[in-house]
Amino acid sequence: MNEGKVLLHAYYEVLHEALQAKRGALVAKAAKLLSAEIAKRGFGGFNAEKFAAYHDACVAFIDERIETYNPIGIQYTFDRPTAHKALTLELQLNWYDSRAEFEALVEAARSKVQTPLTDEKLREPACELIEEFGAYPDNTIISTFEAEPALGKLPDYVVARAIEEIIR
C-alpha cells in the first residue's frame, strides 16, 4: 500500500471517529436543515408524517455515512480489486458523479504524505484533508443538488450539509 493510500485510510478513520462522536448533533442538525430546505425550496405537501419519513431517511443516511468511513470495513470499498466494482455500483445508484472530487482528494493526499509514516504524521495531514475537502463526497452532493434541486435528492443533500457544518 502506498503512502497516499495510507493517508486516505487515516482520513476516513478520523472522519469515522468525528462523525460517530457527533452523531446526535448530526441528527439534530439534519432536522433543522431539512425543515429549512423544505421551506426554502417550496417543497409542498409536508405534514408531520412526511417530514418524519424524510428525517428518518436522513438518519439512515447519517448512519450509512458513518459506517462508510469505518476503518474496519473501508478496505472492502477502496481496495483495488473491489474499488472498480464499488465505483460502478455507486455511479449507478447515486444521482451525482463524485469521481472528480475523489481524484482531487487522492492527489491532495499524495502531496501531503510525509515519510517515514507514523501515527503522529498521519493524523495531522488527515485533519488538513478534512479541513480542505470536507467529507467525501459532500462537495459533489451539495453542488449537484444546488444546481438542480429535487425532493428525491433532499435527504442526501441535508446529510451532506449537516456533516460539513459539524466537521468544519
C-alpha atoms as a PDB file:
ATOM      1  CA  MET A   1       0.000   0.000   0.000  1.00  0.00           C
ATOM      2  CA  ASN A   2       1.459   3.364  -0.949  1.00  0.00           C
ATOM      3  CA  GLU A   3       1.758   6.290   1.466  1.00  0.00           C
ATOM      4  CA  GLY A   4      -1.063   8.267  -0.175  1.00  0.00           C
ATOM      5  CA  LYS A   5      -3.429   5.359   0.336  1.00  0.00           C
ATOM      6  CA  VAL A   6      -2.342   5.052   3.970  1.00  0.00           C
ATOM      7  CA  LEU A   7      -3.124   8.754   4.462  1.00  0.00           C
ATOM      8  CA  LEU A   8      -6.546   8.288   2.845  1.00  0.00           C
ATOM      9  CA  HIS A   9      -7.269   5.475   5.289  1.00  0.00           C
ATOM     10  CA  ALA A  10      -6.294   7.835   8.132  1.00  0.00           C
ATOM     11  CA  TYR A  11      -8.611  10.496   6.640  1.00  0.00           C
ATOM     12  CA  TYR A  12     -11.517   8.034   6.691  1.00  0.00           C
ATOM     13  CA  GLU A  13     -10.649   6.914  10.208  1.00  0.00           C
ATOM     14  CA  VAL A  14     -10.634  10.496  11.523  1.00  0.00           C
ATOM     15  CA  LEU A  15     -13.962  11.133   9.780  1.00  0.00           C
ATOM     16  CA  HIS A  16     -15.419   7.954  11.277  1.00  0.00           C
ATOM     17  CA  GLU A  17     -14.341   8.948  14.788  1.00  0.00           C
ATOM     18  CA  ALA A  18     -15.610  12.518  14.446  1.00  0.00           C
ATOM     19  CA  LEU A  19     -18.967  11.607  12.931  1.00  0.00           C
ATOM     20  CA  GLN A  20     -19.578   8.752  15.334  1.00  0.00           C
ATOM     21  CA  ALA A  21     -18.855  11.050  18.292  1.00  0.00           C
ATOM     22  CA  LYS A  22     -21.160  13.746  16.887  1.00  0.00           C
ATOM     23  CA  ARG A  23     -23.999  11.516  15.655  1.00  0.00           C
ATOM     24  CA  GLY A  24     -26.558  13.168  17.973  1.00  0.00           C
ATOM     25  CA  ALA A  25     -25.582  16.623  16.758  1.00  0.00           C
ATOM     26  CA  LEU A  26     -25.788  15.403  13.138  1.00  0.00           C
ATOM     27  CA  VAL A  27     -29.322  14.081  13.662  1.00  0.00           C
ATOM     28  CA  ALA A  28     -30.429  17.360  15.256  1.00  0.00           C
ATOM     29  CA  LYS A  29     -28.722  19.445  12.556  1.00  0.00           C
ATOM     30  CA  ALA A  30     -30.353  17.321   9.846  1.00  0.00           C
ATOM     31  CA  ALA A  31     -33.816  18.021  11.305  1.00  0.00           C
ATOM     32  CA  LYS A  32     -33.165  21.790  11.271  1.00  0.00           C
ATOM     33  CA  LEU A  33     -31.698  21.770   7.768  1.00  0.00           C
ATOM     34  CA  LEU A  34     -34.499  19.573   6.437  1.00  0.00           C
ATOM     35  CA  SER A  35     -37.141  21.932   7.772  1.00  0.00           C
ATOM     36  CA  ALA A  36     -35.310  24.971   6.391  1.00  0.00           C
ATOM     37  CA  GLU A  37     -34.756  23.408   2.951  1.00  0.00           C
ATOM     38  CA  ILE A  38     -38.392  22.309   2.614  1.00  0.00           C
ATOM     39  CA  ALA A  39     -39.494  25.895   3.231  1.00  0.00           C
ATOM     40  CA  LYS A  40     -36.729  27.461   1.123  1.00  0.00           C
ATOM     41  CA  ARG A  41     -37.230  25.219  -1.910  1.00  0.00           C
ATOM     42  CA  GLY A  42     -41.009  25.266  -1.763  1.00  0.00           C
ATOM     43  CA  PHE A  43     -41.380  21.513  -1.470  1.00  0.00           C
ATOM     44  CA  GLY A  44     -45.067  21.410  -0.621  1.00  0.00           C
ATOM     45  CA  GLY A  45     -47.330  18.851   0.944  1.00  0.00           C
ATOM     46  CA  PHE A  46     -45.208  18.156   4.008  1.00  0.00           C
ATOM     47  CA  ASN A  47     -47.234  17.091   7.004  1.00  0.00           C
ATOM     48  CA  ALA A  48     -45.707  15.704  10.207  1.00  0.00           C
ATOM     49  CA  GLU A  49     -45.750  12.141   8.858  1.00  0.00           C
ATOM     50  CA  LYS A  50     -43.959  13.010   5.607  1.00  0.00           C
ATOM     51  CA  PHE A  51     -41.429  15.152   7.467  1.00  0.00           C
ATOM     52  CA  ALA A  52     -40.762  12.253   9.867  1.00  0.00           C
ATOM     53  CA  ALA A  53     -40.244   9.887   6.917  1.00  0.00           C
ATOM     54  CA  TYR A  54     -37.719  12.248   5.297  1.00  0.00           C
ATOM     55  CA  HIS A  55     -35.975  12.792   8.624  1.00  0.00           C
ATOM     56  CA  ASP A  56     -35.813   9.007   9.134  1.00  0.00           C
ATOM     57  CA  ALA A  57     -34.172   8.756   5.708  1.00  0.00           C
ATOM     58  CA  CYS A  58     -31.649  11.402   6.765  1.00  0.00           C
ATOM     59  CA  VAL A  59     -30.859   9.471   9.955  1.00  0.00           C
ATOM     60  CA  ALA A  60     -30.369   6.278   7.938  1.00  0.00           C
ATOM     61  CA  PHE A  61     -28.053   8.157   5.558  1.00  0.00           C
ATOM     62  CA  ILE A  62     -26.091   9.546   8.532  1.00  0.00           C
ATOM     63  CA  ASP A  63     -25.595   6.023   9.868  1.00  0.00           C
ATOM     64  CA  GLU A  64     -24.624   4.806   6.395  1.00  0.00           C
ATOM     65  CA  ARG A  65     -22.056   7.589   6.001  1.00  0.00           C
ATOM     66  CA  ILE A  66     -20.561   6.895   9.431  1.00  0.00           C
ATOM     67  CA  GLU A  67     -20.238   3.229   8.550  1.00  0.00           C
ATOM     68  CA  THR A  68     -18.775   4.075   5.130  1.00  0.00           C
ATOM     69  CA  TYR A  69     -15.787   5.647   6.879  1.00  0.00           C
ATOM     70  CA  ASN A  70     -15.398   2.752   9.341  1.00  0.00           C
ATOM     71  CA  PRO A  71     -11.722   1.718   9.197  1.00  0.00           C
ATOM     72  CA  ILE A  72     -12.639  -1.920   9.796  1.00  0.00           C
ATOM     73  CA  GLY A  73     -14.675  -2.186   6.600  1.00  0.00           C
ATOM     74  CA  ILE A  74     -13.128   0.524   4.448  1.00  0.00           C
ATOM     75  CA  GLN A  75     -10.802  -1.886   2.667  1.00  0.00           C
ATOM     76  CA  TYR A  76     -13.807  -3.587   1.095  1.00  0.00           C
ATOM     77  CA  THR A  77     -14.806  -0.362  -0.582  1.00  0.00           C
ATOM     78  CA  PHE A  78     -11.446   1.117  -1.509  1.00  0.00           C
ATOM     79  CA  ASP A  79      -9.054  -1.790  -2.065  1.00  0.00           C
ATOM     80  CA  ARG A  80      -8.043  -2.252  -5.696  1.00  0.00           C
ATOM     81  CA  PRO A  81      -9.982  -5.482  -6.511  1.00  0.00           C
ATOM     82  CA  THR A  82     -13.322  -4.074  -5.378  1.00  0.00           C
ATOM     83  CA  ALA A  83     -12.779  -0.347  -5.973  1.00  0.00           C
ATOM     84  CA  HIS A  84     -13.823  -0.524  -9.632  1.00  0.00           C
ATOM     85  CA  LYS A  85     -16.933  -2.554  -8.798  1.00  0.00           C
ATOM     86  CA  ALA A  86     -17.801  -0.185  -5.943  1.00  0.00           C
ATOM     87  CA  LEU A  87     -17.390   2.875  -8.177  1.00  0.00           C
ATOM     88  CA  THR A  88     -19.503   1.331 -10.935  1.00  0.00           C
ATOM     89  CA  LEU A  89     -22.255   0.496  -8.465  1.00  0.00           C
ATOM     90  CA  GLU A  90     -22.045   3.932  -6.866  1.00  0.00           C
ATOM     91  CA  LEU A  91     -22.411   5.663 -10.230  1.00  0.00           C
ATOM     92  CA  GLN A  92     -25.458   3.527 -10.998  1.00  0.00           C
ATOM     93  CA  LEU A  93     -27.121   4.156  -7.635  1.00  0.00           C
ATOM     94  CA  ASN A  94     -26.243   7.789  -6.960  1.00  0.00           C
ATOM     95  CA  TRP A  95     -27.639  10.857  -8.671  1.00  0.00           C
ATOM     96  CA  TYR A  96     -24.245  12.570  -8.529  1.00  0.00           C
ATOM     97  CA  ASP A  97     -20.842  11.798 -10.047  1.00  0.00           C
ATOM     98  CA  SER A  98     -18.106  12.322  -7.460  1.00  0.00           C
ATOM     99  CA  ARG A  99     -15.136  10.993  -9.446  1.00  0.00           C
ATOM    100  CA  ALA A 100     -13.519  14.419  -9.863  1.00  0.00           C
ATOM    101  CA  GLU A 101     -13.857  15.147  -6.159  1.00  0.00           C
ATOM    102  CA  PHE A 102     -12.288  11.786  -5.281  1.00  0.00           C
ATOM    103  CA  GLU A 103      -9.408  12.314  -7.722  1.00  0.00           C
ATOM    104  CA  ALA A 104      -8.689  15.716  -6.166  1.00  0.00           C
ATOM    105  CA  LEU A 105      -8.765  14.168  -2.687  1.00  0.00           C
ATOM    106  CA  VAL A 106      -6.375  11.386  -3.736  1.00  0.00           C
ATOM    107  CA  GLU A 107      -3.990  13.883  -5.325  1.00  0.00           C
ATOM    108  CA  ALA A 108      -4.043  16.080  -2.222  1.00  0.00           C
ATOM    109  CA  ALA A 109      -3.366  13.031  -0.030  1.00  0.00           C
ATOM    110  CA  ARG A 110      -0.362  12.130  -2.160  1.00  0.00           C
ATOM    111  CA  SER A 111       1.010  15.651  -1.862  1.00  0.00           C
ATOM    112  CA  LYS A 112       0.656  15.704   1.938  1.00  0.00           C
ATOM    113  CA  VAL A 113       2.498  12.456   2.653  1.00  0.00           C
ATOM    114  CA  GLN A 114       5.445  12.831   4.971  1.00  0.00           C
ATOM    115  CA  THR A 115       7.842   9.942   5.213  1.00  0.00           C
ATOM    116  CA  PRO A 116       8.509   7.954   7.212  1.00  0.00           C
ATOM    117  CA  LEU A 117       4.847   7.447   8.079  1.00  0.00           C
ATOM    118  CA  THR A 118       3.989   7.314  11.757  1.00  0.00           C
ATOM    119  CA  ASP A 119       0.684   7.661  13.580  1.00  0.00           C
ATOM    120  CA  GLU A 120       1.668  11.196  14.570  1.00  0.00           C
ATOM    121  CA  LYS A 121       2.432  12.074  10.960  1.00  0.00           C
ATOM    122  CA  LEU A 122      -0.891  10.677   9.719  1.00  0.00           C
ATOM    123  CA  ARG A 123      -3.441  12.395  11.938  1.00  0.00           C
ATOM    124  CA  GLU A 124      -2.374  15.968  11.197  1.00  0.00           C
ATOM    125  CA  PRO A 125      -2.461  15.707   7.377  1.00  0.00           C
ATOM    126  CA  ALA A 126      -5.701  13.686   7.632  1.00  0.00           C
ATOM    127  CA  CYS A 127      -7.256  16.564   9.578  1.00  0.00           C
ATOM    128  CA  GLU A 128      -5.883  19.005   6.986  1.00  0.00           C
ATOM    129  CA  LEU A 129      -7.613  16.994   4.239  1.00  0.00           C
ATOM    130  CA  ILE A 130     -10.885  17.206   6.150  1.00  0.00           C
ATOM    131  CA  GLU A 131     -10.441  20.950   6.588  1.00  0.00           C
ATOM    132  CA  GLU A 132      -9.700  21.441   2.875  1.00  0.00           C
ATOM    133  CA  PHE A 133     -12.046  18.899   1.288  1.00  0.00           C
ATOM    134  CA  GLY A 134     -14.625  18.118   3.944  1.00  0.00           C
ATOM    135  CA  ALA A 135     -16.080  14.637   3.975  1.00  0.00           C
ATOM    136  CA  TYR A 136     -16.001  12.987   0.570  1.00  0.00           C
ATOM    137  CA  PRO A 137     -18.412  13.105  -1.416  1.00  0.00           C
ATOM    138  CA  ASP A 138     -20.210  16.040   0.259  1.00  0.00           C
ATOM    139  CA  ASN A 139     -18.932  18.756  -2.076  1.00  0.00           C
ATOM    140  CA  THR A 140     -20.312  16.917  -5.107  1.00  0.00           C
ATOM    141  CA  ILE A 141     -23.634  16.191  -3.414  1.00  0.00           C
ATOM    142  CA  ILE A 142     -24.082  19.812  -2.346  1.00  0.00           C
ATOM    143  CA  SER A 143     -23.110  21.398  -5.663  1.00  0.00           C
ATOM    144  CA  THR A 144     -25.164  18.940  -7.730  1.00  0.00           C
ATOM    145  CA  PHE A 145     -28.265  19.448  -5.582  1.00  0.00           C
ATOM    146  CA  GLU A 146     -27.908  23.227  -5.600  1.00  0.00           C
ATOM    147  CA  ALA A 147     -27.614  23.196  -9.390  1.00  0.00           C
ATOM    148  CA  GLU A 148     -30.731  21.058  -9.729  1.00  0.00           C
ATOM    149  CA  PRO A 149     -32.768  20.735  -6.506  1.00  0.00           C
ATOM    150  CA  ALA A 150     -35.211  17.853  -6.303  1.00  0.00           C
ATOM    151  CA  LEU A 151     -37.204  16.312  -3.498  1.00  0.00           C
ATOM    152  CA  GLY A 152     -35.696  12.860  -4.061  1.00  0.00           C
ATOM    153  CA  LYS A 153     -32.200  14.293  -3.568  1.00  0.00           C
ATOM    154  CA  LEU A 154     -33.108  16.153  -0.386  1.00  0.00           C
ATOM    155  CA  PRO A 155     -32.014  13.577   2.252  1.00  0.00           C
ATOM    156  CA  ASP A 156     -28.534  13.168   0.704  1.00  0.00           C
ATOM    157  CA  TYR A 157     -28.183  16.950   0.474  1.00  0.00           C
ATOM    158  CA  VAL A 158     -29.324  17.561   4.047  1.00  0.00           C
ATOM    159  CA  VAL A 159     -26.916  14.941   5.394  1.00  0.00           C
ATOM    160  CA  ALA A 160     -24.016  16.342   3.349  1.00  0.00           C
ATOM    161  CA  ARG A 161     -24.732  19.858   4.631  1.00  0.00           C
ATOM    162  CA  ALA A 162     -25.093  18.634   8.226  1.00  0.00           C
ATOM    163  CA  ILE A 163     -21.806  16.743   8.060  1.00  0.00           C
ATOM    164  CA  GLU A 164     -19.964  19.715   6.588  1.00  0.00           C
ATOM    165  CA  GLU A 165     -21.339  22.100   9.209  1.00  0.00           C
ATOM    166  CA  ILE A 166     -20.455  19.733  12.042  1.00  0.00           C
ATOM    167  CA  ILE A 167     -16.916  18.748  10.967  1.00  0.00           C
ATOM    168  CA  ARG A 168     -15.586  22.113   9.836  1.00  0.00           C
END
